[in-house]
Every structure is written in structure tokens, then in C-alpha cells.
């Protein structure tokens, strides 16, 4: 869609963009959402593509993902053999309600900052205990835990002019055992609920991440594998107004799915059969 309110496009911003941020500005990365709808409040686009941020950097520390890394690039990543969650990265890319054309343009950072409950890049980075580095217009930066970034449907902690620069996933999380559950109303549909559980090798702990069914990511952490009643009580303790309501599922339906999948996950990671 043409955004006919735009009067200026900054094609070559400085290496630390944002110092002259003003009302009506927007960051342009993949643009797959930006150009999908009218944006009557926008006047200027600041194109991040020219900054040349590294897309993916793997090392002993873990995985660093540049905010402008495309979904296609993340999907194609060949991970080290000891990164057991490698397939989960690809599964999360496949959770997009998007065509291959969108994959080639849409960015990891763009999906995260949209702060949609069903954003799969939020799901996987929260589940893998990532941190986000944010750049402020005054030249400073701050780091936030991924689980704290999205605060509500289409709401996040970014201040005006602040930008998501990169995502860091620690090596310890990349080596964890994991399982996941995802439900959609149609085969290629938007997620009604997307749950990922991880477990430290040689431990019986549990970190359960609930997304898509909630307005913001919810994590349930246990030092040792809970019994069925304890896990059910933890799911039931999620506040009623946190369960998401849209055409893909009612809050009650999503709550029911979370209970059901949580128990399947508990049994699976405890060594039984779902």
C-alpha cells in the first residue's frame, strides 16, 4: 500500500540513528507490516537497511541476532551440533502466518516490536531467555529481558525514538532440552496458543512459556518438575484479563488449551508418554 502521508525517506541514517527523531517518524526495516495498512500519523521513514547490521553471529556466548535479520536468514541458519534447540528456531519461523515473499523481507526485530500476542519471534526469544539491546535517541543503550518487553497487545517498553538493535540468546538456553505445542484453527492459521518448554540437561527443572493465548508472554518457572496439580494451579493463576480474546479463540478456550498442553508437556519432559 502506498503511504501517501510520507514526505521524506532517510535512506542513509548515521550509524547511531535517532538523534533527530521527531513525531511522525517510523523505523523502516522489512516494511511488511508498515506497508500493509494506512499510517496516517507518519511523515518520515528512516531506513535501517543501509546500516549493514550483522544478521546472525554464533559463538561460545550463544547467538546474536541483528534486529534487521530476515526470517529467511534465521530459518536457514545451520546451528552447532550441541545447540539442541536448533530445530525450534525453524519451527518458530514456520509459525508465521506469511508467504515465502514475506519471509524474505520481514525481520526478526520487526516481528518483536509489533508486540502481537501471536508473534513467533517473541515466543522463541522469550522461551530461550534472550535479552534485547535497545538504542535510545540520546546515544545511550539499555538491555531488557525478552519476557519483559511486550506489555500488552501491540504494546511494548520502547520509548519514542528508541530502537531494538539486537537480540542475544545465551548458549546455556540453546543447549536445553525442549518441547512445544501450538494450536491453530486452520492448518496455516494464526496461533491460538503457542507454548514452549525448556529443561536444563541433567536437571528436572521446567521453564514453560505461554504466548499467543495471552496478551503478553507468561513464564512459569519450576526448580523441579511439578506434579499435575501444581502445574495446573500455576496455569489457573494467570489473571483472567491476560488471556487474549480475538476471532482465533476466546479466553476460556485458550485457558483450556494451556491446561491441556501443559500437562502433555509435563509428562513428556518427565520421561513419560503424552
C-alpha atoms as a PDB file:
ATOM      1  CA  UNK A   1       0.000   0.000   0.000  1.00  0.00           C
ATOM      2  CA  UNK A   2       1.215   3.498  -0.777  1.00  0.00           C
ATOM      3  CA  UNK A   3       1.594   5.591   2.374  1.00  0.00           C
ATOM      4  CA  UNK A   4       0.664   8.948   0.916  1.00  0.00           C
ATOM      5  CA  UNK A   5       1.380  10.941   4.067  1.00  0.00           C
ATOM      6  CA  UNK A   6       5.143  10.326   3.835  1.00  0.00           C
ATOM      7  CA  UNK A   7       7.085  13.421   2.787  1.00  0.00           C
ATOM      8  CA  UNK A   8      10.638  12.208   3.412  1.00  0.00           C
ATOM      9  CA  UNK A   9      12.639   8.976   3.481  1.00  0.00           C
ATOM     10  CA  UNK A  10      16.057   8.908   5.175  1.00  0.00           C
ATOM     11  CA  UNK A  11      17.958   6.362   3.083  1.00  0.00           C
ATOM     12  CA  UNK A  12      21.339   6.673   4.803  1.00  0.00           C
ATOM     13  CA  UNK A  13      20.935   7.390   8.518  1.00  0.00           C
ATOM     14  CA  UNK A  14      24.002   7.732  10.768  1.00  0.00           C
ATOM     15  CA  UNK A  15      25.463   4.635  12.408  1.00  0.00           C
ATOM     16  CA  UNK A  16      23.630   5.562  15.606  1.00  0.00           C
ATOM     17  CA  UNK A  17      20.280   6.671  14.181  1.00  0.00           C
ATOM     18  CA  UNK A  18      17.626   8.538  16.115  1.00  0.00           C
ATOM     19  CA  UNK A  19      19.336  11.691  17.365  1.00  0.00           C
ATOM     20  CA  UNK A  20      16.887  13.840  15.364  1.00  0.00           C
ATOM     21  CA  UNK A  21      13.822  11.686  15.998  1.00  0.00           C
ATOM     22  CA  UNK A  22      10.551  13.598  15.839  1.00  0.00           C
ATOM     23  CA  UNK A  23       6.828  12.950  15.903  1.00  0.00           C
ATOM     24  CA  UNK A  24       5.684  11.298  12.687  1.00  0.00           C
ATOM     25  CA  UNK A  25       8.872   9.246  12.254  1.00  0.00           C
ATOM     26  CA  UNK A  26       8.974   5.475  11.842  1.00  0.00           C
ATOM     27  CA  UNK A  27      11.802   2.979  11.530  1.00  0.00           C
ATOM     28  CA  UNK A  28      11.746   1.052   8.243  1.00  0.00           C
ATOM     29  CA  UNK A  29      13.179  -2.474   8.294  1.00  0.00           C
ATOM     30  CA  UNK A  30      11.343  -5.115   6.253  1.00  0.00           C
ATOM     31  CA  UNK A  31       8.245  -2.957   5.903  1.00  0.00           C
ATOM     32  CA  UNK A  32       5.914  -5.944   5.562  1.00  0.00           C
ATOM     33  CA  UNK A  33       3.537  -4.566   8.180  1.00  0.00           C
ATOM     34  CA  UNK A  34       4.295  -0.878   7.642  1.00  0.00           C
ATOM     35  CA  UNK A  35       3.171  -1.009   4.014  1.00  0.00           C
ATOM     36  CA  UNK A  36       0.210  -3.283   4.680  1.00  0.00           C
ATOM     37  CA  UNK A  37      -2.091  -0.606   6.072  1.00  0.00           C
ATOM     38  CA  UNK A  38      -2.684   3.113   6.180  1.00  0.00           C
ATOM     39  CA  UNK A  39      -0.352   5.039   8.512  1.00  0.00           C
ATOM     40  CA  UNK A  40      -1.954   8.493   8.670  1.00  0.00           C
ATOM     41  CA  UNK A  41       0.228   9.626  11.582  1.00  0.00           C
ATOM     42  CA  UNK A  42       3.524   9.072   9.756  1.00  0.00           C
ATOM     43  CA  UNK A  43       5.506  11.717   7.871  1.00  0.00           C
ATOM     44  CA  UNK A  44       9.054  10.325   7.627  1.00  0.00           C
ATOM     45  CA  UNK A  45      10.636   6.867   7.281  1.00  0.00           C
ATOM     46  CA  UNK A  46      14.155   6.096   8.478  1.00  0.00           C
ATOM     47  CA  UNK A  47      15.516   3.143   6.503  1.00  0.00           C
ATOM     48  CA  UNK A  48      17.680   0.796   8.572  1.00  0.00           C
ATOM     49  CA  UNK A  49      18.816  -1.423   5.691  1.00  0.00           C
ATOM     50  CA  UNK A  50      21.816   0.777   4.836  1.00  0.00           C
ATOM     51  CA  UNK A  51      23.303   0.352   8.316  1.00  0.00           C
ATOM     52  CA  UNK A  52      24.512  -3.157   7.448  1.00  0.00           C
ATOM     53  CA  UNK A  53      23.937  -4.772  10.816  1.00  0.00           C
ATOM     54  CA  UNK A  54      25.168  -8.359  11.056  1.00  0.00           C
ATOM     55  CA  UNK A  55      22.203 -10.698  10.795  1.00  0.00           C
ATOM     56  CA  UNK A  56      23.462 -13.684  12.779  1.00  0.00           C
ATOM     57  CA  UNK A  57      26.580 -14.179  14.880  1.00  0.00           C
ATOM     58  CA  UNK A  58      27.094 -17.552  16.553  1.00  0.00           C
ATOM     59  CA  UNK A  59      29.833 -18.213  19.071  1.00  0.00           C
ATOM     60  CA  UNK A  60      30.648 -19.599  22.526  1.00  0.00           C
ATOM     61  CA  UNK A  61      28.468 -16.907  24.075  1.00  0.00           C
ATOM     62  CA  UNK A  62      25.414 -18.038  22.147  1.00  0.00           C
ATOM     63  CA  UNK A  63      23.528 -16.465  19.263  1.00  0.00           C
ATOM     64  CA  UNK A  64      23.337 -12.768  18.474  1.00  0.00           C
ATOM     65  CA  UNK A  65      20.563 -11.760  16.079  1.00  0.00           C
ATOM     66  CA  UNK A  66      20.620  -8.331  14.456  1.00  0.00           C
ATOM     67  CA  UNK A  67      17.194  -6.719  14.542  1.00  0.00           C
ATOM     68  CA  UNK A  68      17.173  -6.468  10.730  1.00  0.00           C
ATOM     69  CA  UNK A  69      17.855 -10.194  10.256  1.00  0.00           C
ATOM     70  CA  UNK A  70      15.168 -11.598   7.985  1.00  0.00           C
ATOM     71  CA  UNK A  71      13.019 -14.582   8.829  1.00  0.00           C
ATOM     72  CA  UNK A  72      14.504 -16.376   5.835  1.00  0.00           C
ATOM     73  CA  UNK A  73      18.026 -15.885   7.188  1.00  0.00           C
ATOM     74  CA  UNK A  74      17.089 -17.212  10.616  1.00  0.00           C
ATOM     75  CA  UNK A  75      15.324 -20.214   9.092  1.00  0.00           C
ATOM     76  CA  UNK A  76      18.412 -21.066   7.027  1.00  0.00           C
ATOM     77  CA  UNK A  77      20.806 -20.885   9.989  1.00  0.00           C
ATOM     78  CA  UNK A  78      22.867 -24.058  10.471  1.00  0.00           C
ATOM     79  CA  UNK A  79      23.379 -24.361  14.218  1.00  0.00           C
ATOM     80  CA  UNK A  80      26.215 -26.149  16.069  1.00  0.00           C
ATOM     81  CA  UNK A  81      25.519 -29.779  16.931  1.00  0.00           C
ATOM     82  CA  UNK A  82      25.272 -29.067  20.661  1.00  0.00           C
ATOM     83  CA  UNK A  83      22.578 -26.422  20.176  1.00  0.00           C
ATOM     84  CA  UNK A  84      19.685 -28.792  20.705  1.00  0.00           C
ATOM     85  CA  UNK A  85      17.094 -26.073  20.120  1.00  0.00           C
ATOM     86  CA  UNK A  86      18.184 -25.501  16.518  1.00  0.00           C
ATOM     87  CA  UNK A  87      15.007 -27.093  15.108  1.00  0.00           C
ATOM     88  CA  UNK A  88      12.921 -24.867  17.382  1.00  0.00           C
ATOM     89  CA  UNK A  89      14.225 -21.773  15.580  1.00  0.00           C
ATOM     90  CA  UNK A  90      12.922 -23.176  12.305  1.00  0.00           C
ATOM     91  CA  UNK A  91       9.636 -24.264  13.869  1.00  0.00           C
ATOM     92  CA  UNK A  92       9.105 -20.719  15.113  1.00  0.00           C
ATOM     93  CA  UNK A  93       9.740 -19.302  11.645  1.00  0.00           C
ATOM     94  CA  UNK A  94       7.147 -21.725  10.288  1.00  0.00           C
ATOM     95  CA  UNK A  95       4.633 -20.374  12.824  1.00  0.00           C
ATOM     96  CA  UNK A  96       4.329 -17.145  10.803  1.00  0.00           C
ATOM     97  CA  UNK A  97       1.050 -16.568   9.021  1.00  0.00           C
ATOM     98  CA  UNK A  98       3.044 -15.400   5.996  1.00  0.00           C
ATOM     99  CA  UNK A  99       4.163 -16.344   2.498  1.00  0.00           C
ATOM    100  CA  UNK A 100       7.743 -17.006   1.410  1.00  0.00           C
ATOM    101  CA  UNK A 101       7.771 -13.495  -0.049  1.00  0.00           C
ATOM    102  CA  UNK A 102       7.134 -12.038   3.393  1.00  0.00           C
ATOM    103  CA  UNK A 103       9.843 -14.299   4.861  1.00  0.00           C
ATOM    104  CA  UNK A 104      12.377 -12.708   2.515  1.00  0.00           C
ATOM    105  CA  UNK A 105      11.595  -9.193   3.775  1.00  0.00           C
ATOM    106  CA  UNK A 106      10.123  -9.461   7.278  1.00  0.00           C
ATOM    107  CA  UNK A 107      12.647  -9.059  10.083  1.00  0.00           C
ATOM    108  CA  UNK A 108      13.062 -10.696  13.454  1.00  0.00           C
ATOM    109  CA  UNK A 109      13.168  -7.320  15.168  1.00  0.00           C
ATOM    110  CA  UNK A 110      10.125  -6.064  13.313  1.00  0.00           C
ATOM    111  CA  UNK A 111       8.038  -9.005  14.467  1.00  0.00           C
ATOM    112  CA  UNK A 112       9.146  -8.487  18.051  1.00  0.00           C
ATOM    113  CA  UNK A 113       8.459  -4.746  18.231  1.00  0.00           C
ATOM    114  CA  UNK A 114       4.993  -5.226  16.732  1.00  0.00           C
ATOM    115  CA  UNK A 115       4.222  -6.848  20.097  1.00  0.00           C
ATOM    116  CA  UNK A 116       1.468  -9.063  18.739  1.00  0.00           C
ATOM    117  CA  UNK A 117       0.424 -11.930  21.037  1.00  0.00           C
ATOM    118  CA  UNK A 118       0.992 -14.406  18.192  1.00  0.00           C
ATOM    119  CA  UNK A 119       4.387 -13.017  17.173  1.00  0.00           C
ATOM    120  CA  UNK A 120       6.546 -16.175  16.911  1.00  0.00           C
ATOM    121  CA  UNK A 121       9.842 -14.305  17.213  1.00  0.00           C
ATOM    122  CA  UNK A 122       8.668 -13.052  20.580  1.00  0.00           C
ATOM    123  CA  UNK A 123       7.700 -16.599  21.534  1.00  0.00           C
ATOM    124  CA  UNK A 124      11.025 -18.226  20.731  1.00  0.00           C
ATOM    125  CA  UNK A 125      13.253 -15.465  22.119  1.00  0.00           C
ATOM    126  CA  UNK A 126      11.335 -15.320  25.376  1.00  0.00           C
ATOM    127  CA  UNK A 127      11.418 -19.112  25.712  1.00  0.00           C
ATOM    128  CA  UNK A 128      15.185 -19.091  25.109  1.00  0.00           C
ATOM    129  CA  UNK A 129      15.788 -16.467  27.797  1.00  0.00           C
ATOM    130  CA  UNK A 130      17.007 -13.799  25.380  1.00  0.00           C
ATOM    131  CA  UNK A 131      17.855 -10.216  26.170  1.00  0.00           C
ATOM    132  CA  UNK A 132      17.181  -7.262  23.888  1.00  0.00           C
ATOM    133  CA  UNK A 133      19.549  -4.332  23.412  1.00  0.00           C
ATOM    134  CA  UNK A 134      17.687  -1.061  22.882  1.00  0.00           C
ATOM    135  CA  UNK A 135      19.236   2.131  21.481  1.00  0.00           C
ATOM    136  CA  UNK A 136      17.910   5.498  22.648  1.00  0.00           C
ATOM    137  CA  UNK A 137      17.914   8.744  20.625  1.00  0.00           C
ATOM    138  CA  UNK A 138      20.354  10.324  23.113  1.00  0.00           C
ATOM    139  CA  UNK A 139      23.021   7.736  22.246  1.00  0.00           C
ATOM    140  CA  UNK A 140      22.604   5.567  25.332  1.00  0.00           C
ATOM    141  CA  UNK A 141      21.506   1.955  25.353  1.00  0.00           C
ATOM    142  CA  UNK A 142      19.754  -0.389  27.734  1.00  0.00           C
ATOM    143  CA  UNK A 143      19.170  -4.114  27.981  1.00  0.00           C
ATOM    144  CA  UNK A 144      15.816  -5.691  28.820  1.00  0.00           C
ATOM    145  CA  UNK A 145      14.827  -9.304  29.323  1.00  0.00           C
ATOM    146  CA  UNK A 146      12.749 -10.568  26.415  1.00  0.00           C
ATOM    147  CA  UNK A 147       9.982 -11.684  28.761  1.00  0.00           C
ATOM    148  CA  UNK A 148       9.501  -8.088  29.948  1.00  0.00           C
ATOM    149  CA  UNK A 149       9.485  -6.388  26.531  1.00  0.00           C
ATOM    150  CA  UNK A 150       5.890  -6.949  25.383  1.00  0.00           C
ATOM    151  CA  UNK A 151       3.443  -5.493  27.897  1.00  0.00           C
ATOM    152  CA  UNK A 152       0.092  -5.932  26.118  1.00  0.00           C
ATOM    153  CA  UNK A 153      -1.422  -6.485  22.689  1.00  0.00           C
ATOM    154  CA  UNK A 154       0.585  -4.203  20.344  1.00  0.00           C
ATOM    155  CA  UNK A 155       2.330  -2.548  23.318  1.00  0.00           C
ATOM    156  CA  UNK A 156       5.959  -2.741  24.412  1.00  0.00           C
ATOM    157  CA  UNK A 157       8.502  -0.904  26.561  1.00  0.00           C
ATOM    158  CA  UNK A 158      10.065   1.150  23.734  1.00  0.00           C
ATOM    159  CA  UNK A 159      10.172   4.888  24.374  1.00  0.00           C
ATOM    160  CA  UNK A 160       9.665   7.332  21.460  1.00  0.00           C
ATOM    161  CA  UNK A 161      12.629   7.087  19.100  1.00  0.00           C
ATOM    162  CA  UNK A 162      14.053   4.037  20.847  1.00  0.00           C
ATOM    163  CA  UNK A 163      15.018   1.109  18.628  1.00  0.00           C
ATOM    164  CA  UNK A 164      15.602  -2.607  19.065  1.00  0.00           C
ATOM    165  CA  UNK A 165      19.192  -3.149  17.960  1.00  0.00           C
ATOM    166  CA  UNK A 166      19.839  -6.841  18.636  1.00  0.00           C
ATOM    167  CA  UNK A 167      18.687  -9.999  20.367  1.00  0.00           C
ATOM    168  CA  UNK A 168      21.112 -12.122  22.407  1.00  0.00           C
ATOM    169  CA  UNK A 169      20.295 -15.755  23.192  1.00  0.00           C
ATOM    170  CA  UNK A 170      22.659 -17.366  25.727  1.00  0.00           C
ATOM    171  CA  UNK A 171      24.437 -20.603  24.859  1.00  0.00           C
ATOM    172  CA  UNK A 172      23.027 -22.234  28.001  1.00  0.00           C
ATOM    173  CA  UNK A 173      19.475 -21.849  26.670  1.00  0.00           C
ATOM    174  CA  UNK A 174      20.451 -23.086  23.209  1.00  0.00           C
ATOM    175  CA  UNK A 175      21.650 -26.370  24.722  1.00  0.00           C
ATOM    176  CA  UNK A 176      18.481 -27.123  26.649  1.00  0.00           C
ATOM    177  CA  UNK A 177      16.041 -29.923  26.081  1.00  0.00           C
ATOM    178  CA  UNK A 178      12.740 -28.605  24.771  1.00  0.00           C
ATOM    179  CA  UNK A 179       9.282 -29.377  23.532  1.00  0.00           C
ATOM    180  CA  UNK A 180       6.463 -27.223  22.240  1.00  0.00           C
ATOM    181  CA  UNK A 181       2.762 -27.169  21.499  1.00  0.00           C
ATOM    182  CA  UNK A 182       0.910 -24.924  19.071  1.00  0.00           C
ATOM    183  CA  UNK A 183      -2.767 -24.788  18.179  1.00  0.00           C
ATOM    184  CA  UNK A 184      -4.405 -23.050  15.219  1.00  0.00           C
ATOM    185  CA  UNK A 185      -7.953 -23.091  13.924  1.00  0.00           C
ATOM    186  CA  UNK A 186      -6.705 -23.846  10.404  1.00  0.00           C
ATOM    187  CA  UNK A 187      -3.598 -25.629   9.157  1.00  0.00           C
ATOM    188  CA  UNK A 188      -1.745 -22.448   8.193  1.00  0.00           C
ATOM    189  CA  UNK A 189      -3.602 -20.123  10.538  1.00  0.00           C
ATOM    190  CA  UNK A 190      -2.565 -17.663  13.191  1.00  0.00           C
ATOM    191  CA  UNK A 191      -1.612 -19.251  16.504  1.00  0.00           C
ATOM    192  CA  UNK A 192      -4.388 -19.544  19.052  1.00  0.00           C
ATOM    193  CA  UNK A 193      -1.759 -20.586  21.584  1.00  0.00           C
ATOM    194  CA  UNK A 194       1.969 -21.299  21.302  1.00  0.00           C
ATOM    195  CA  UNK A 195       3.758 -22.893  24.264  1.00  0.00           C
ATOM    196  CA  UNK A 196       7.430 -23.791  24.582  1.00  0.00           C
ATOM    197  CA  UNK A 197       9.010 -25.637  27.488  1.00  0.00           C
ATOM    198  CA  UNK A 198      12.729 -25.998  28.146  1.00  0.00           C
ATOM    199  CA  UNK A 199      14.718 -28.062  30.610  1.00  0.00           C
ATOM    200  CA  UNK A 200      18.366 -27.882  31.665  1.00  0.00           C
ATOM    201  CA  UNK A 201      20.351 -31.001  30.683  1.00  0.00           C
ATOM    202  CA  UNK A 202      20.791 -33.312  33.667  1.00  0.00           C
ATOM    203  CA  UNK A 203      18.098 -31.476  35.629  1.00  0.00           C
ATOM    204  CA  UNK A 204      14.377 -31.878  36.173  1.00  0.00           C
ATOM    205  CA  UNK A 205      13.604 -28.141  36.164  1.00  0.00           C
ATOM    206  CA  UNK A 206      10.922 -26.647  33.904  1.00  0.00           C
ATOM    207  CA  UNK A 207      10.579 -23.284  32.203  1.00  0.00           C
ATOM    208  CA  UNK A 208       7.211 -23.026  30.476  1.00  0.00           C
ATOM    209  CA  UNK A 209       6.460 -20.090  28.181  1.00  0.00           C
ATOM    210  CA  UNK A 210       2.892 -19.246  27.146  1.00  0.00           C
ATOM    211  CA  UNK A 211       2.243 -16.917  24.221  1.00  0.00           C
ATOM    212  CA  UNK A 212      -0.386 -16.196  21.541  1.00  0.00           C
ATOM    213  CA  UNK A 213      -3.100 -17.145  24.015  1.00  0.00           C
ATOM    214  CA  UNK A 214      -2.073 -14.324  26.347  1.00  0.00           C
ATOM    215  CA  UNK A 215      -1.792 -10.577  25.760  1.00  0.00           C
ATOM    216  CA  UNK A 216       1.877 -10.744  26.737  1.00  0.00           C
ATOM    217  CA  UNK A 217       4.295 -13.638  27.289  1.00  0.00           C
ATOM    218  CA  UNK A 218       3.814 -15.543  30.536  1.00  0.00           C
ATOM    219  CA  UNK A 219       6.554 -17.729  32.000  1.00  0.00           C
ATOM    220  CA  UNK A 220       6.099 -20.383  34.663  1.00  0.00           C
ATOM    221  CA  UNK A 221       9.404 -21.490  36.213  1.00  0.00           C
ATOM    222  CA  UNK A 222       9.948 -24.506  38.469  1.00  0.00           C
ATOM    223  CA  UNK A 223      13.204 -25.676  40.053  1.00  0.00           C
ATOM    224  CA  UNK A 224      11.990 -29.246  39.753  1.00  0.00           C
ATOM    225  CA  UNK A 225       9.269 -30.872  37.701  1.00  0.00           C
ATOM    226  CA  UNK A 226       5.901 -30.025  39.288  1.00  0.00           C
ATOM    227  CA  UNK A 227       3.166 -32.555  39.746  1.00  0.00           C
ATOM    228  CA  UNK A 228      -0.001 -32.268  37.686  1.00  0.00           C
ATOM    229  CA  UNK A 229      -1.961 -30.307  40.297  1.00  0.00           C
ATOM    230  CA  UNK A 230       0.830 -27.801  40.917  1.00  0.00           C
ATOM    231  CA  UNK A 231       1.262 -27.112  37.218  1.00  0.00           C
ATOM    232  CA  UNK A 232      -2.468 -26.800  36.683  1.00  0.00           C
ATOM    233  CA  UNK A 233      -2.718 -24.361  39.582  1.00  0.00           C
ATOM    234  CA  UNK A 234       0.076 -22.256  38.073  1.00  0.00           C
ATOM    235  CA  UNK A 235      -1.784 -22.038  34.756  1.00  0.00           C
ATOM    236  CA  UNK A 236      -5.015 -21.217  36.574  1.00  0.00           C
ATOM    237  CA  UNK A 237      -3.228 -18.408  38.451  1.00  0.00           C
ATOM    238  CA  UNK A 238      -2.709 -16.445  35.219  1.00  0.00           C
ATOM    239  CA  UNK A 239      -5.014 -13.416  35.636  1.00  0.00           C
ATOM    240  CA  UNK A 240      -8.259 -13.600  33.699  1.00  0.00           C
ATOM    241  CA  UNK A 241      -7.590 -10.350  31.841  1.00  0.00           C
ATOM    242  CA  UNK A 242      -4.279 -11.681  30.482  1.00  0.00           C
ATOM    243  CA  UNK A 243      -5.945 -14.371  28.345  1.00  0.00           C
ATOM    244  CA  UNK A 244      -6.338 -12.989  24.830  1.00  0.00           C
ATOM    245  CA  UNK A 245      -9.694 -12.646  23.089  1.00  0.00           C
ATOM    246  CA  UNK A 246      -9.944 -12.469  19.293  1.00  0.00           C
ATOM    247  CA  UNK A 247     -11.550 -14.438  16.434  1.00  0.00           C
ATOM    248  CA  UNK A 248      -8.911 -17.163  16.837  1.00  0.00           C
ATOM    249  CA  UNK A 249     -10.067 -18.111  20.320  1.00  0.00           C
ATOM    250  CA  UNK A 250     -11.889 -17.000  23.445  1.00  0.00           C
ATOM    251  CA  UNK A 251     -10.066 -16.572  26.760  1.00  0.00           C
ATOM    252  CA  UNK A 252     -11.769 -19.713  28.113  1.00  0.00           C
ATOM    253  CA  UNK A 253     -10.703 -21.736  25.086  1.00  0.00           C
ATOM    254  CA  UNK A 254      -7.114 -20.572  25.378  1.00  0.00           C
ATOM    255  CA  UNK A 255      -7.063 -21.256  29.110  1.00  0.00           C
ATOM    256  CA  UNK A 256      -8.350 -24.772  28.431  1.00  0.00           C
ATOM    257  CA  UNK A 257      -5.667 -25.363  25.791  1.00  0.00           C
ATOM    258  CA  UNK A 258      -2.949 -24.122  28.143  1.00  0.00           C
ATOM    259  CA  UNK A 259      -4.047 -26.566  30.834  1.00  0.00           C
ATOM    260  CA  UNK A 260      -4.203 -29.441  28.368  1.00  0.00           C
ATOM    261  CA  UNK A 261      -0.856 -28.773  26.691  1.00  0.00           C
ATOM    262  CA  UNK A 262       0.907 -28.018  29.970  1.00  0.00           C
ATOM    263  CA  UNK A 263       0.107 -31.489  31.240  1.00  0.00           C
ATOM    264  CA  UNK A 264       1.232 -33.085  27.954  1.00  0.00           C
ATOM    265  CA  UNK A 265       4.490 -31.172  28.213  1.00  0.00           C
ATOM    266  CA  UNK A 266       4.992 -32.137  31.863  1.00  0.00           C
ATOM    267  CA  UNK A 267       4.541 -35.833  31.111  1.00  0.00           C
ATOM    268  CA  UNK A 268       6.791 -35.664  28.038  1.00  0.00           C
ATOM    269  CA  UNK A 269       9.691 -33.941  29.768  1.00  0.00           C
ATOM    270  CA  UNK A 270       9.313 -36.143  32.828  1.00  0.00           C
ATOM    271  CA  UNK A 271      10.075 -39.084  30.556  1.00  0.00           C
ATOM    272  CA  UNK A 272       6.601 -40.481  30.038  1.00  0.00           C
ATOM    273  CA  UNK A 273       4.360 -40.585  27.008  1.00  0.00           C
ATOM    274  CA  UNK A 274       1.910 -37.700  26.287  1.00  0.00           C
END
